[in-house]
């Protein structure tokens, strides 16, 4: 009996070790599709919105060619679970096994869906949730906005810049700060006044904000909202503007001096190739690629921007590619607090949580 008992114990231990080993190996192996890849994209707004969503639509078309795969899509999906879940589940039931989301507000729902469908790979732009088959991604837009700020700082005559922002979230605040820091590199006493509309896509509020900023003396308007309205207002008022998401000189060729732009396919194409290859391992903290990696960059309107300014901006762009850090100490906030000590660089967690402004930023809610 004792021998049999010990044999039972040994067998149990072996099985347990085998299970643990399998779990470890599974974790090491990462995520692998169980069928041929079929890709679908869930779009937050209209694919021709002129900004954020259109940048994804343009990337989708390029990705189809690069991957030699058709990418299905659905437009105008709001940021709530009741709206997100049905189209995603319809795609999954139809055999789609790579789902790409395009909104911050999809984060929690995508996490829930990724747990419900562990054999499906999920990617979500500007998201905050991650898992074994889910990776959120975003770009370091403070870098491209920093470069746009350089253009604005070089070209302002009043020394007053305006900025139309959607919401005072970390990903918007860091663009405002980056914009002002770039501007001060060219004009040390320049200021940036920011007005938040409370919405990513609201042309009426964006128009009112841009007009108020220009009434207050701003001669160049930056933005982190989804439509080209601030650029259109700048052109109507015979000022200048810097766009976001896409090259917005398409809408205001006499005003838009540069734009912070997205090339999402530069990130998504190689990432999807990793998923297709198998053993995909999402970053547990999400992907946060830079100008060097390609998804965020600057487009300069060389018809409006002097050649010497273009050269300075492109030299700074190369410095960023070579490893220069924008949020490096010593750096104080607008209220005089030490936010980055000498020799330190702001870590990614602190970037996401940014709730302070650099000197020269005037925030209006």
Protein backbone atom coordinates (compact mmCIF):
# COMPACT_ATOMS: atom_id res chain seq x y z
CA UNK A 1 0.00 0.00 0.00
CA UNK A 2 2.81 2.41 0.88
CA UNK A 3 4.56 1.71 -2.41
CA UNK A 4 1.34 2.28 -4.28
CA UNK A 5 0.74 5.48 -2.33
CA UNK A 6 4.18 6.82 -3.15
CA UNK A 7 3.71 5.86 -6.78
CA UNK A 8 0.47 7.83 -6.72
CA UNK A 9 2.22 10.85 -5.21
CA UNK A 10 5.04 10.62 -7.76
CA UNK A 11 2.52 10.37 -10.59
CA UNK A 12 0.68 13.41 -9.28
CA UNK A 13 3.92 15.39 -9.00
CA UNK A 14 4.95 14.40 -12.53
CA UNK A 15 1.57 15.45 -13.89
CA UNK A 16 1.79 18.76 -11.98
CA UNK A 17 5.30 19.42 -13.24
CA UNK A 18 4.18 18.53 -16.74
CA UNK A 19 1.28 20.96 -16.50
CA UNK A 20 3.55 23.72 -15.19
CA UNK A 21 6.06 23.04 -17.92
CA UNK A 22 3.34 23.14 -20.56
CA UNK A 23 2.12 26.46 -19.14
CA UNK A 24 5.63 27.88 -19.18
CA UNK A 25 6.22 26.64 -22.71
CA UNK A 26 2.84 28.07 -23.79
CA UNK A 27 3.82 31.41 -22.29
CA UNK A 28 7.20 31.25 -23.99
CA UNK A 29 5.59 30.28 -27.28
CA UNK A 30 3.24 33.22 -27.19
CA UNK A 31 0.05 33.62 -29.22
CA UNK A 32 -0.45 31.73 -32.49
CA UNK A 33 -3.42 31.88 -34.84
CA UNK A 34 -5.27 28.61 -35.34
CA UNK A 35 -6.44 29.46 -38.85
CA UNK A 36 -5.40 31.55 -41.82
CA UNK A 37 -5.30 35.26 -40.99
CA UNK A 38 -8.41 37.32 -41.62
CA UNK A 39 -8.27 40.94 -40.54
CA UNK A 40 -11.01 43.42 -39.64
CA UNK A 41 -10.80 47.04 -38.49
CA UNK A 42 -13.28 48.79 -36.19
CA UNK A 43 -13.30 52.52 -37.02
CA UNK A 44 -14.31 55.16 -34.50
CA UNK A 45 -15.64 57.69 -37.05
CA UNK A 46 -16.26 58.08 -40.76
CA UNK A 47 -13.32 56.83 -42.81
CA UNK A 48 -13.23 60.18 -44.62
CA UNK A 49 -13.32 62.36 -41.51
CA UNK A 50 -10.19 64.20 -42.66
CA UNK A 51 -8.24 63.31 -39.53
CA UNK A 52 -7.76 60.42 -37.08
CA UNK A 53 -9.97 57.81 -38.73
CA UNK A 54 -8.97 58.74 -42.27
CA UNK A 55 -5.34 58.16 -41.28
CA UNK A 56 -6.36 54.59 -40.38
CA UNK A 57 -8.30 54.19 -43.63
CA UNK A 58 -5.27 55.27 -45.66
CA UNK A 59 -3.08 52.89 -43.65
CA UNK A 60 -5.62 50.08 -44.18
CA UNK A 61 -5.35 50.46 -47.95
CA UNK A 62 -1.54 50.38 -47.84
CA UNK A 63 -1.60 47.39 -45.49
CA UNK A 64 -3.78 45.40 -47.88
CA UNK A 65 -1.09 45.76 -50.54
CA UNK A 66 1.81 45.07 -48.18
CA UNK A 67 0.19 42.00 -46.62
CA UNK A 68 -1.63 40.82 -49.75
CA UNK A 69 -4.76 40.45 -47.63
CA UNK A 70 -8.13 42.15 -47.70
CA UNK A 71 -8.97 44.04 -44.51
CA UNK A 72 -12.67 44.33 -43.72
CA UNK A 73 -13.92 47.32 -41.76
CA UNK A 74 -16.89 49.01 -40.16
CA UNK A 75 -17.18 52.77 -39.59
CA UNK A 76 -18.71 55.06 -36.95
CA UNK A 77 -18.50 52.73 -33.96
CA UNK A 78 -18.90 54.80 -30.74
CA UNK A 79 -16.77 54.30 -27.63
CA UNK A 80 -19.14 52.14 -25.59
CA UNK A 81 -19.47 48.39 -25.12
CA UNK A 82 -23.01 48.22 -26.50
CA UNK A 83 -21.81 49.65 -29.81
CA UNK A 84 -18.40 47.92 -30.00
CA UNK A 85 -19.29 44.34 -29.10
CA UNK A 86 -21.83 43.47 -31.85
CA UNK A 87 -19.64 44.29 -34.90
CA UNK A 88 -16.58 42.65 -33.35
CA UNK A 89 -18.50 39.47 -32.58
CA UNK A 90 -20.03 39.43 -36.07
CA UNK A 91 -16.54 39.55 -37.55
CA UNK A 92 -15.30 36.80 -35.23
CA UNK A 93 -18.27 34.54 -36.03
CA UNK A 94 -17.52 35.11 -39.72
CA UNK A 95 -13.98 33.81 -39.19
CA UNK A 96 -11.96 37.00 -38.67
CA UNK A 97 -9.16 36.38 -36.19
CA UNK A 98 -7.22 39.68 -36.13
CA UNK A 99 -9.28 42.64 -34.93
CA UNK A 100 -7.89 46.18 -35.02
CA UNK A 101 -9.54 48.87 -32.91
CA UNK A 102 -9.04 52.59 -33.36
CA UNK A 103 -10.10 54.33 -30.16
CA UNK A 104 -9.08 55.03 -26.57
CA UNK A 105 -12.65 54.28 -25.48
CA UNK A 106 -12.48 50.72 -26.86
CA UNK A 107 -9.94 49.74 -24.20
CA UNK A 108 -12.10 48.00 -21.61
CA UNK A 109 -14.38 46.33 -24.14
CA UNK A 110 -11.42 45.00 -26.12
CA UNK A 111 -9.98 43.54 -22.92
CA UNK A 112 -13.27 41.77 -22.19
CA UNK A 113 -13.52 40.47 -25.76
CA UNK A 114 -9.90 39.30 -25.79
CA UNK A 115 -10.60 37.15 -22.74
CA UNK A 116 -13.80 35.80 -24.26
CA UNK A 117 -12.06 34.99 -27.56
CA UNK A 118 -8.51 33.82 -26.67
CA UNK A 119 -7.91 32.52 -30.22
CA UNK A 120 -8.34 36.00 -31.71
CA UNK A 121 -5.58 38.63 -31.81
CA UNK A 122 -6.65 42.14 -30.80
CA UNK A 123 -4.83 45.42 -31.47
CA UNK A 124 -6.16 48.78 -30.32
CA UNK A 125 -4.91 52.27 -31.05
CA UNK A 126 -4.58 54.71 -28.14
CA UNK A 127 -5.79 51.96 -25.82
CA UNK A 128 -4.79 51.33 -22.23
CA UNK A 129 -5.42 47.59 -21.86
CA UNK A 130 -3.18 44.65 -22.80
CA UNK A 131 -3.14 40.87 -22.48
CA UNK A 132 -1.83 37.60 -23.95
CA UNK A 133 -3.75 38.25 -27.19
CA UNK A 134 -4.30 42.02 -26.88
CA UNK A 135 -1.89 44.84 -27.50
CA UNK A 136 -2.70 48.52 -27.34
CA UNK A 137 -0.50 50.90 -29.28
CA UNK A 138 0.08 54.59 -29.73
CA UNK A 139 2.84 56.87 -30.98
CA UNK A 140 4.99 59.45 -29.23
CA UNK A 141 3.10 62.40 -30.66
CA UNK A 142 4.81 64.79 -28.30
CA UNK A 143 7.84 64.36 -30.59
CA UNK A 144 6.07 65.26 -33.85
CA UNK A 145 4.22 68.08 -32.07
CA UNK A 146 7.56 69.32 -30.73
CA UNK A 147 8.79 69.58 -34.32
CA UNK A 148 5.60 71.40 -35.35
CA UNK A 149 6.11 73.74 -32.40
CA UNK A 150 9.53 74.61 -33.81
CA UNK A 151 7.88 75.72 -37.05
CA UNK A 152 5.25 77.71 -35.16
CA UNK A 153 7.86 79.34 -32.92
CA UNK A 154 9.94 80.38 -35.93
CA UNK A 155 7.00 81.86 -37.81
CA UNK A 156 4.91 83.60 -35.15
CA UNK A 157 4.95 87.39 -35.22
CA UNK A 158 2.91 88.02 -32.08
CA UNK A 159 4.75 85.46 -29.91
CA UNK A 160 1.32 84.06 -29.02
CA UNK A 161 0.37 80.58 -30.15
CA UNK A 162 -3.02 78.94 -29.74
CA UNK A 163 -3.84 75.25 -29.39
CA UNK A 164 -7.20 73.49 -29.74
CA UNK A 165 -7.22 70.26 -27.71
CA UNK A 166 -9.91 67.63 -27.26
CA UNK A 167 -9.58 66.59 -23.61
CA UNK A 168 -6.99 67.28 -20.89
CA UNK A 169 -5.73 63.68 -20.97
CA UNK A 170 -2.06 62.77 -20.75
CA UNK A 171 -1.83 62.04 -24.48
CA UNK A 172 -3.14 65.53 -25.28
CA UNK A 173 -1.27 67.39 -22.55
CA UNK A 174 2.04 65.92 -23.71
CA UNK A 175 1.36 67.24 -27.25
CA UNK A 176 0.62 70.71 -25.90
CA UNK A 177 3.80 70.67 -23.82
CA UNK A 178 5.85 69.27 -26.69
CA UNK A 179 4.47 71.96 -29.00
CA UNK A 180 5.45 74.74 -26.58
CA UNK A 181 8.90 73.25 -25.93
CA UNK A 182 9.59 73.11 -29.65
CA UNK A 183 8.37 76.67 -30.09
CA UNK A 184 10.63 77.94 -27.30
CA UNK A 185 13.59 76.33 -28.99
CA UNK A 186 13.07 78.87 -31.76
CA UNK A 187 11.58 81.79 -29.78
CA UNK A 188 12.32 81.61 -26.02
CA UNK A 189 9.51 83.92 -24.83
CA UNK A 190 6.66 82.43 -26.88
CA UNK A 191 3.46 81.26 -25.12
CA UNK A 192 0.84 78.66 -26.03
CA UNK A 193 -2.76 79.08 -24.89
CA UNK A 194 -4.80 75.86 -25.06
CA UNK A 195 -8.58 75.54 -25.10
CA UNK A 196 -10.20 72.10 -24.69
CA UNK A 197 -13.41 71.33 -26.56
CA UNK A 198 -14.33 68.24 -24.54
CA UNK A 199 -14.70 66.16 -27.71
CA UNK A 200 -12.42 64.49 -30.23
CA UNK A 201 -14.61 65.39 -33.17
CA UNK A 202 -16.78 68.49 -32.88
CA UNK A 203 -16.25 71.06 -35.66
CA UNK A 204 -18.58 73.60 -34.04
CA UNK A 205 -16.63 73.68 -30.76
CA UNK A 206 -13.32 73.57 -32.62
CA UNK A 207 -14.32 76.61 -34.66
CA UNK A 208 -15.35 78.53 -31.56
CA UNK A 209 -12.09 77.66 -29.77
CA UNK A 210 -9.88 78.60 -32.73
CA UNK A 211 -11.70 81.90 -33.19
CA UNK A 212 -11.38 82.73 -29.49
CA UNK A 213 -7.64 81.99 -29.58
CA UNK A 214 -7.10 84.22 -32.61
CA UNK A 215 -9.25 86.95 -31.04
CA UNK A 216 -6.83 86.74 -28.11
CA UNK A 217 -3.82 87.48 -30.31
CA UNK A 218 -2.66 84.04 -31.42
CA UNK A 219 -1.42 84.09 -34.99
CA UNK A 220 -0.72 80.34 -35.28
CA UNK A 221 -3.12 77.59 -34.17
CA UNK A 222 -1.98 74.08 -33.26
CA UNK A 223 -4.38 71.22 -32.62
CA UNK A 224 -5.03 67.77 -31.21
CA UNK A 225 -8.59 67.24 -32.40
CA UNK A 226 -9.87 65.08 -35.23
CA UNK A 227 -11.11 67.56 -37.85
CA UNK A 228 -9.28 70.21 -39.91
CA UNK A 229 -11.56 72.97 -38.60
CA UNK A 230 -8.84 74.87 -36.67
CA UNK A 231 -6.76 75.02 -39.86
CA UNK A 232 -9.73 76.30 -41.85
CA UNK A 233 -10.33 79.02 -39.25
CA UNK A 234 -6.64 79.98 -39.34
CA UNK A 235 -6.85 80.39 -43.11
CA UNK A 236 -10.08 82.38 -42.90
CA UNK A 237 -8.39 84.72 -40.42
CA UNK A 238 -5.22 84.93 -42.56
CA UNK A 239 -3.10 83.28 -39.90
CA UNK A 240 -1.19 80.01 -39.81
CA UNK A 241 -1.85 76.62 -38.29
CA UNK A 242 -0.24 73.25 -37.55
CA UNK A 243 -2.34 70.17 -38.16
CA UNK A 244 -2.63 66.78 -36.51
CA UNK A 245 -3.29 63.18 -37.66
CA UNK A 246 -2.80 63.91 -41.38
CA UNK A 247 -1.24 66.56 -43.62
CA UNK A 248 -4.01 69.12 -43.21
CA UNK A 249 -2.63 71.49 -45.84
CA UNK A 250 -5.12 69.60 -48.01
CA UNK A 251 -7.83 71.70 -46.36
CA UNK A 252 -5.96 74.95 -45.73
CA UNK A 253 -3.05 75.21 -48.14
CA UNK A 254 -2.45 78.90 -47.37
CA UNK A 255 -2.40 78.40 -43.60
CA UNK A 256 -1.16 74.93 -42.59
CA UNK A 257 2.61 75.25 -42.22
CA UNK A 258 3.11 71.68 -40.99
CA UNK A 259 1.25 68.72 -39.50
CA UNK A 260 1.93 65.99 -36.96
CA UNK A 261 0.95 62.94 -38.98
CA UNK A 262 0.29 59.21 -38.62
CA UNK A 263 1.57 56.37 -40.79
CA UNK A 264 -0.14 53.57 -38.88
CA UNK A 265 0.85 50.93 -41.41
CA UNK A 266 4.51 51.45 -40.50
CA UNK A 267 3.66 49.91 -37.13
CA UNK A 268 0.73 47.65 -37.98
CA UNK A 269 2.14 45.88 -41.04
CA UNK A 270 5.23 44.45 -39.28
CA UNK A 271 3.19 43.73 -36.12
CA UNK A 272 0.59 41.76 -38.05
CA UNK A 273 3.39 39.86 -39.78
CA UNK A 274 4.59 38.85 -36.30
CA UNK A 275 1.09 37.62 -35.45
CA UNK A 276 0.86 35.63 -38.68
CA UNK A 277 4.32 34.11 -38.09
CA UNK A 278 3.17 32.75 -34.72
CA UNK A 279 4.49 32.96 -31.16
CA UNK A 280 3.37 36.60 -30.96
CA UNK A 281 4.13 38.17 -27.60
CA UNK A 282 2.25 41.41 -26.95
CA UNK A 283 4.06 43.95 -24.83
CA UNK A 284 2.36 43.82 -21.40
CA UNK A 285 2.59 47.63 -21.22
CA UNK A 286 1.50 48.26 -24.81
CA UNK A 287 3.51 49.43 -27.81
CA UNK A 288 4.73 53.01 -27.84
CA UNK A 289 6.73 53.55 -31.06
CA UNK A 290 8.58 56.78 -31.82
CA UNK A 291 9.53 58.95 -34.79
CA UNK A 292 12.40 56.53 -35.33
CA UNK A 293 9.96 53.64 -35.65
CA UNK A 294 7.84 55.50 -38.17
CA UNK A 295 4.16 55.72 -37.16
CA UNK A 296 4.35 59.38 -36.12
CA UNK A 297 6.17 62.03 -38.12
CA UNK A 298 5.99 65.58 -39.47
CA UNK A 299 4.89 66.94 -42.84
CA UNK A 300 6.17 70.45 -43.61
CA UNK A 301 4.53 72.77 -46.12
CA UNK A 302 7.68 73.96 -47.86
CA UNK A 303 5.70 76.52 -49.86
CA UNK A 304 5.09 78.43 -46.63
CA UNK A 305 8.02 77.57 -44.36
CA UNK A 306 11.42 79.21 -45.03
CA UNK A 307 14.20 76.83 -46.06
CA UNK A 308 16.40 77.64 -43.07
CA UNK A 309 13.55 76.74 -40.70
CA UNK A 310 12.96 73.45 -42.54
CA UNK A 311 16.64 72.57 -42.15
CA UNK A 312 16.61 73.28 -38.41
CA UNK A 313 13.46 71.22 -37.90
CA UNK A 314 14.77 68.28 -39.91
CA UNK A 315 18.06 68.39 -38.02
CA UNK A 316 16.12 68.16 -34.75
CA UNK A 317 14.02 65.33 -36.20
CA UNK A 318 17.25 63.44 -36.86
CA UNK A 319 18.39 64.14 -33.32
CA UNK A 320 15.19 62.51 -32.04
CA UNK A 321 15.80 59.49 -34.27
CA UNK A 322 19.33 59.31 -32.89
CA UNK A 323 18.02 59.16 -29.32
CA UNK A 324 17.44 62.70 -28.08
CA UNK A 325 14.80 62.84 -25.32
CA UNK A 326 12.38 65.76 -25.11
CA UNK A 327 11.20 65.13 -21.57
CA UNK A 328 14.63 65.12 -19.94
CA UNK A 329 15.72 66.94 -16.81
CA UNK A 330 16.14 69.36 -15.38
CA UNK A 331 12.58 70.52 -16.14
CA UNK A 332 10.15 72.54 -14.08
CA UNK A 333 6.40 72.78 -14.56
CA UNK A 334 4.59 76.06 -15.20
CA UNK A 335 3.93 76.42 -11.46
CA UNK A 336 7.62 76.06 -10.60
CA UNK A 337 7.71 72.45 -9.41
CA UNK A 338 10.59 70.14 -10.32
CA UNK A 339 8.92 67.53 -12.54
CA UNK A 340 12.09 65.96 -13.98
CA UNK A 341 15.37 66.12 -12.08
CA UNK A 342 18.74 66.69 -13.70
CA UNK A 343 20.00 63.68 -15.62
CA UNK A 344 16.65 61.87 -15.55
CA UNK A 345 14.23 61.08 -18.38
CA UNK A 346 10.49 60.86 -17.82
CA UNK A 347 9.41 57.22 -17.87
CA UNK A 348 6.49 56.00 -19.97
CA UNK A 349 4.16 55.59 -17.01
CA UNK A 350 4.67 59.22 -16.03
CA UNK A 351 4.13 60.30 -19.64
CA UNK A 352 0.73 58.60 -19.76
CA UNK A 353 -0.27 60.25 -16.47
CA UNK A 354 1.01 63.73 -17.37
CA UNK A 355 -1.19 66.36 -15.72
CA UNK A 356 1.14 69.35 -15.61
CA UNK A 357 2.25 72.00 -18.09
CA UNK A 358 5.64 73.38 -19.02
CA UNK A 359 6.40 77.10 -18.60
CA UNK A 360 4.75 79.13 -21.34
CA UNK A 361 1.55 77.07 -21.53
CA UNK A 362 -1.66 78.82 -20.52
CA UNK A 363 -4.46 76.27 -20.11
CA UNK A 364 -8.11 77.24 -20.48
CA UNK A 365 -10.73 74.54 -19.87
